[in-house]
């Protein structure tokens, strides 16, 4: 299903995923506990954004499917 909003959500999700990869590398390289704590907070924030993104994707997909079903019934 082609949908600009869903495509944007997918793009955002990929961006979050790339950020997590970078933070993981930083986390593994650093020995500073303070820096590790900051990275963990950043990771937590990104994970929350990813969860919200996925919830929104599910809602939009369900909504689009309902719209398609309504069109097919008519």
C-alpha atoms as a PDB file:
ATOM      1  CA  UNK A   1       0.000   0.000   0.000  1.00  0.00           C
ATOM      2  CA  UNK A   2       1.467   3.349  -1.049  1.00  0.00           C
ATOM      3  CA  UNK A   3       0.822   6.074   1.477  1.00  0.00           C
ATOM      4  CA  UNK A   4       2.951   9.199   1.912  1.00  0.00           C
ATOM      5  CA  UNK A   5       2.350   9.345   5.665  1.00  0.00           C
ATOM      6  CA  UNK A   6       3.293   5.691   6.161  1.00  0.00           C
ATOM      7  CA  UNK A   7       6.352   6.200   3.977  1.00  0.00           C
ATOM      8  CA  UNK A   8       7.377   9.116   6.199  1.00  0.00           C
ATOM      9  CA  UNK A   9       6.920   6.975   9.322  1.00  0.00           C
ATOM     10  CA  UNK A  10       9.093   4.245   7.784  1.00  0.00           C
ATOM     11  CA  UNK A  11      11.748   6.815   6.919  1.00  0.00           C
ATOM     12  CA  UNK A  12      11.692   8.142  10.493  1.00  0.00           C
ATOM     13  CA  UNK A  13      11.977   4.595  11.869  1.00  0.00           C
ATOM     14  CA  UNK A  14      15.053   3.916   9.731  1.00  0.00           C
ATOM     15  CA  UNK A  15      16.571   7.147  11.001  1.00  0.00           C
ATOM     16  CA  UNK A  16      15.962   6.101  14.606  1.00  0.00           C
ATOM     17  CA  UNK A  17      17.512   2.735  13.868  1.00  0.00           C
ATOM     18  CA  UNK A  18      20.627   4.371  12.438  1.00  0.00           C
ATOM     19  CA  UNK A  19      20.901   6.637  15.482  1.00  0.00           C
ATOM     20  CA  UNK A  20      20.741   3.584  17.754  1.00  0.00           C
ATOM     21  CA  UNK A  21      23.570   1.912  15.842  1.00  0.00           C
ATOM     22  CA  UNK A  22      25.750   4.998  16.234  1.00  0.00           C
ATOM     23  CA  UNK A  23      24.948   5.288  19.945  1.00  0.00           C
ATOM     24  CA  UNK A  24      25.736   1.611  20.442  1.00  0.00           C
ATOM     25  CA  UNK A  25      29.189   2.125  18.925  1.00  0.00           C
ATOM     26  CA  UNK A  26      29.762   5.185  21.118  1.00  0.00           C
ATOM     27  CA  UNK A  27      28.608   3.283  24.182  1.00  0.00           C
ATOM     28  CA  UNK A  28      30.971   0.397  23.525  1.00  0.00           C
ATOM     29  CA  UNK A  29      33.938   2.731  22.905  1.00  0.00           C
ATOM     30  CA  UNK A  30      33.550   4.916  25.982  1.00  0.00           C
ATOM     31  CA  UNK A  31      34.826   3.992  29.414  1.00  0.00           C
ATOM     32  CA  UNK A  32      33.284   6.979  31.187  1.00  0.00           C
ATOM     33  CA  UNK A  33      30.308   6.036  33.333  1.00  0.00           C
ATOM     34  CA  UNK A  34      28.832   9.525  32.996  1.00  0.00           C
ATOM     35  CA  UNK A  35      29.015   9.353  29.213  1.00  0.00           C
ATOM     36  CA  UNK A  36      27.511   5.867  29.240  1.00  0.00           C
ATOM     37  CA  UNK A  37      24.604   7.142  31.328  1.00  0.00           C
ATOM     38  CA  UNK A  38      23.988   9.966  28.857  1.00  0.00           C
ATOM     39  CA  UNK A  39      24.058   7.506  25.970  1.00  0.00           C
ATOM     40  CA  UNK A  40      21.633   5.198  27.772  1.00  0.00           C
ATOM     41  CA  UNK A  41      19.218   8.113  28.246  1.00  0.00           C
ATOM     42  CA  UNK A  42      19.509   8.965  24.550  1.00  0.00           C
ATOM     43  CA  UNK A  43      18.896   5.334  23.618  1.00  0.00           C
ATOM     44  CA  UNK A  44      15.856   5.217  25.882  1.00  0.00           C
ATOM     45  CA  UNK A  45      14.470   8.364  24.287  1.00  0.00           C
ATOM     46  CA  UNK A  46      14.954   6.994  20.766  1.00  0.00           C
ATOM     47  CA  UNK A  47      13.364   3.676  21.718  1.00  0.00           C
ATOM     48  CA  UNK A  48      10.308   5.527  23.016  1.00  0.00           C
ATOM     49  CA  UNK A  49      10.098   7.450  19.734  1.00  0.00           C
ATOM     50  CA  UNK A  50      10.357   4.173  17.827  1.00  0.00           C
ATOM     51  CA  UNK A  51       7.560   2.630  19.887  1.00  0.00           C
ATOM     52  CA  UNK A  52       5.325   5.638  19.251  1.00  0.00           C
ATOM     53  CA  UNK A  53       6.209   5.489  15.565  1.00  0.00           C
ATOM     54  CA  UNK A  54       5.196   1.830  15.404  1.00  0.00           C
ATOM     55  CA  UNK A  55       1.925   2.481  17.244  1.00  0.00           C
ATOM     56  CA  UNK A  56       1.123   5.302  14.840  1.00  0.00           C
ATOM     57  CA  UNK A  57       1.981   3.082  11.862  1.00  0.00           C
ATOM     58  CA  UNK A  58      -0.406   0.402  13.095  1.00  0.00           C
ATOM     59  CA  UNK A  59      -3.198   2.937  13.641  1.00  0.00           C
ATOM     60  CA  UNK A  60      -2.729   4.479  10.200  1.00  0.00           C
ATOM     61  CA  UNK A  61      -2.550   1.079   8.507  1.00  0.00           C
ATOM     62  CA  UNK A  62      -5.765  -0.072  10.175  1.00  0.00           C
ATOM     63  CA  UNK A  63      -7.454   3.177   9.228  1.00  0.00           C
ATOM     64  CA  UNK A  64      -6.324   2.874   5.598  1.00  0.00           C
ATOM     65  CA  UNK A  65      -7.532  -0.726   5.453  1.00  0.00           C
ATOM     66  CA  UNK A  66     -10.952   0.319   6.756  1.00  0.00           C
ATOM     67  CA  UNK A  67     -11.105   3.015   4.078  1.00  0.00           C
ATOM     68  CA  UNK A  68     -10.257   0.474   1.389  1.00  0.00           C
ATOM     69  CA  UNK A  69     -12.924  -1.941   2.656  1.00  0.00           C
ATOM     70  CA  UNK A  70     -15.530   0.824   2.613  1.00  0.00           C
ATOM     71  CA  UNK A  71     -14.613   1.712  -0.965  1.00  0.00           C
ATOM     72  CA  UNK A  72     -14.849  -1.915  -2.024  1.00  0.00           C
ATOM     73  CA  UNK A  73     -18.312  -2.319  -0.475  1.00  0.00           C
ATOM     74  CA  UNK A  74     -19.638   0.628  -2.462  1.00  0.00           C
END
